[in-house]
Amino acid sequence: METTYQIVIQMKALDGIREIGRFLVSTDKEFAFETFNSLKGKTTLPENQVLRLSLLETTGLSGIIIGIIGCNLDELSENCKIITRDAFKFFNLEK
């Protein structure tokens, strides 16, 4: 089974944490970590953190979170650009 690396966007809501988006970043762990480590935000999450990004390693139906950062709306916007650019590189240029 192929292992994939995804970045999941989550938002704090009244009834808990909700997933609001998901990016397939790559099938290469090193590339996924490089992308995740280039994102804007903080690795320490305060209680009132509204937005967060999680790096998820998935194989089949199971997945584990291997990284997490909190960000604000401006950082999320920049992060979406970074993730999209890197995913494009991986799936179109790096093979």
Protein backbone atom coordinates (compact mmCIF):
# COMPACT_ATOMS: atom_id res chain seq x y z
CA MET A 1 0.00 0.00 0.00
CA GLU A 2 1.25 3.46 -0.89
CA THR A 3 1.99 5.96 1.85
CA THR A 4 0.90 9.53 1.19
CA TYR A 5 1.52 12.77 3.03
CA GLN A 6 -1.30 15.26 3.40
CA ILE A 7 -1.66 18.63 5.06
CA VAL A 8 -5.01 18.99 6.78
CA ILE A 9 -6.45 22.42 7.53
CA GLN A 10 -8.51 22.56 10.71
CA MET A 11 -10.54 25.30 12.35
CA LYS A 12 -11.75 25.64 15.91
CA ALA A 13 -15.57 25.74 15.95
CA LEU A 14 -18.19 25.93 18.68
CA ASP A 15 -18.54 22.15 18.74
CA GLY A 16 -14.84 21.29 18.48
CA ILE A 17 -12.18 21.12 15.79
CA ARG A 18 -13.43 20.86 12.19
CA GLU A 19 -11.51 19.88 9.08
CA ILE A 20 -12.00 22.52 6.40
CA GLY A 21 -9.49 21.40 3.80
CA ARG A 22 -6.89 18.84 2.82
CA PHE A 23 -3.94 18.88 0.43
CA LEU A 24 -2.17 15.82 -0.95
CA VAL A 25 1.46 16.99 -0.76
CA SER A 26 3.49 14.00 -1.90
CA THR A 27 4.34 10.33 -1.53
CA ASP A 28 7.86 11.16 -0.34
CA LYS A 29 8.37 11.73 3.40
CA GLU A 30 11.42 13.98 3.05
CA PHE A 31 9.68 16.20 0.49
CA ALA A 32 6.57 16.42 2.71
CA PHE A 33 8.66 17.47 5.72
CA GLU A 34 10.48 20.10 3.64
CA THR A 35 7.14 21.56 2.57
CA PHE A 36 5.65 21.42 6.07
CA ASN A 37 8.73 22.99 7.66
CA SER A 38 8.57 25.90 5.19
CA LEU A 39 5.05 26.87 6.31
CA LYS A 40 4.31 30.02 8.31
CA GLY A 41 2.99 29.69 11.86
CA LYS A 42 3.89 28.51 15.34
CA THR A 43 4.58 25.01 16.59
CA THR A 44 3.18 25.80 20.04
CA LEU A 45 -0.60 26.05 19.96
CA PRO A 46 -2.30 28.34 22.47
CA GLU A 47 -5.77 27.40 23.75
CA ASN A 48 -7.42 30.09 21.60
CA GLN A 49 -5.71 29.03 18.33
CA VAL A 50 -8.43 29.08 15.65
CA LEU A 51 -6.54 27.70 12.64
CA ARG A 52 -4.08 24.85 12.50
CA LEU A 53 -2.33 22.71 9.91
CA SER A 54 -1.47 19.07 10.53
CA LEU A 55 0.95 16.93 8.52
CA LEU A 56 -0.69 13.53 8.15
CA GLU A 57 1.03 10.32 7.06
CA THR A 58 -1.55 7.92 5.63
CA THR A 59 -1.34 4.32 4.53
CA GLY A 60 -4.60 2.78 3.44
CA LEU A 61 -7.34 3.92 5.78
CA SER A 62 -5.12 4.77 8.74
CA GLY A 63 -3.23 7.97 9.34
CA ILE A 64 -1.03 9.52 11.99
CA ILE A 65 -0.29 13.17 12.64
CA ILE A 66 3.45 13.75 12.40
CA GLY A 67 3.48 17.55 12.61
CA ILE A 68 1.22 20.42 13.62
CA ILE A 69 1.38 24.22 13.47
CA GLY A 70 -1.03 27.00 14.33
CA CYS A 71 -1.49 30.00 12.07
CA ASN A 72 -3.58 33.09 11.51
CA LEU A 73 -5.63 33.83 8.39
CA ASP A 74 -2.84 35.70 6.59
CA GLU A 75 -0.39 32.88 7.29
CA LEU A 76 -2.95 30.32 6.09
CA SER A 77 -3.26 32.20 2.81
CA GLU A 78 0.51 32.16 2.33
CA ASN A 79 0.67 28.50 3.38
CA CYS A 80 -1.91 27.51 0.76
CA LYS A 81 0.32 29.11 -1.89
CA ILE A 82 3.39 27.26 -0.58
CA ILE A 83 1.61 23.89 -0.44
CA THR A 84 0.13 24.28 -3.92
CA ARG A 85 3.48 25.31 -5.40
CA ASP A 86 5.31 22.41 -3.78
CA ALA A 87 2.64 19.84 -4.72
CA PHE A 88 2.84 21.07 -8.32
CA LYS A 89 6.62 20.62 -8.24
CA PHE A 90 6.38 17.14 -6.78
CA PHE A 91 3.73 15.79 -9.11
CA ASN A 92 4.91 17.52 -12.29
CA LEU A 93 8.60 18.34 -12.07
CA GLU A 94 10.35 16.11 -9.55
CA LYS A 95 9.74 12.71 -11.17
